[in-house]
Protein backbone atom coordinates (compact mmCIF):
# COMPACT_ATOMS: atom_id res chain seq x y z
CA UNK A 1 -7.51 -2.10 -9.88
CA UNK A 2 -5.61 -0.92 -6.81
CA UNK A 3 -6.81 -1.22 -3.25
CA UNK A 4 -6.81 2.07 -1.34
CA UNK A 5 -6.77 2.41 2.44
CA UNK A 6 -8.99 5.09 3.97
CA UNK A 7 -9.33 6.51 7.48
CA UNK A 8 -11.91 8.85 8.96
CA UNK A 9 -10.33 11.72 10.90
CA UNK A 10 -13.59 12.23 12.81
CA UNK A 11 -14.44 8.75 14.18
CA UNK A 12 -11.25 6.79 13.35
CA UNK A 13 -12.99 4.22 11.11
CA UNK A 14 -10.51 2.48 8.76
CA UNK A 15 -11.28 0.42 5.66
CA UNK A 16 -9.89 -0.61 2.27
CA UNK A 17 -11.68 0.02 -1.03
CA UNK A 18 -11.07 -1.41 -4.50
CA UNK A 19 -11.20 1.53 -6.94
CA UNK A 20 -10.06 2.48 -10.41
CA UNK A 21 -7.01 4.74 -10.50
CA UNK A 22 -9.09 7.34 -12.36
CA UNK A 23 -11.88 7.31 -9.74
CA UNK A 24 -12.27 10.25 -7.38
CA UNK A 25 -11.20 9.68 -3.78
CA UNK A 26 -13.97 8.82 -1.33
CA UNK A 27 -14.82 11.58 1.13
CA UNK A 28 -17.83 10.40 3.14
CA UNK A 29 -17.16 7.97 5.99
CA UNK A 30 -19.43 4.91 5.80
CA UNK A 31 -19.53 4.65 9.62
CA UNK A 32 -20.36 8.20 10.75
CA UNK A 33 -21.42 9.80 7.40
CA UNK A 34 -19.08 12.79 7.95
CA UNK A 35 -17.06 14.19 5.00
CA UNK A 36 -13.68 13.52 6.66
CA UNK A 37 -12.73 10.21 5.01
CA UNK A 38 -9.17 10.49 3.67
CA UNK A 39 -6.96 8.20 1.61
CA UNK A 40 -3.89 6.90 3.48
CA UNK A 41 -0.41 6.16 2.18
CA UNK A 42 0.50 2.48 2.49
CA UNK A 43 3.42 0.25 1.50
CA UNK A 44 3.44 -1.39 -1.91
CA UNK A 45 2.11 -4.94 -1.86
CA UNK A 46 4.43 -6.48 -4.41
CA UNK A 47 8.03 -7.65 -4.79
CA UNK A 48 9.97 -7.69 -8.03
CA UNK A 49 11.22 -11.21 -8.79
CA UNK A 50 12.57 -13.07 -11.78
CA UNK A 51 15.49 -12.69 -14.14
CA UNK A 52 16.96 -9.23 -14.39
CA UNK A 53 16.88 -8.51 -10.64
CA UNK A 54 19.83 -8.97 -8.32
CA UNK A 55 19.68 -11.87 -5.90
CA UNK A 56 20.15 -9.55 -2.91
CA UNK A 57 17.35 -7.11 -3.81
CA UNK A 58 14.45 -6.88 -1.33
CA UNK A 59 16.01 -9.26 1.18
CA UNK A 60 16.48 -8.49 4.85
CA UNK A 61 19.91 -8.57 6.47
CA UNK A 62 23.28 -7.46 5.20
CA UNK A 63 24.75 -10.79 4.04
CA UNK A 64 25.22 -11.34 0.33
CA UNK A 65 25.57 -14.69 -1.35
CA UNK A 66 28.49 -15.04 -3.69
CA UNK A 67 31.93 -16.55 -3.99
CA UNK A 68 34.83 -15.08 -2.05
CA UNK A 69 38.04 -15.66 -4.02
């Protein structure tokens, strides 16, 4: 199950909730009880590793490892 980040536009309360992908988004803020609790967009929390991926994928910097002939 994914973890969704939420933020209340009324009081500014922020929290993360573990929910099924098929579950409806939460709307009521647990801090102020107002119906202005919205789901936020966040960065993915995974990196693709293993065979089949290039060595330079998902690495910082512009240097590549390899032989210069």
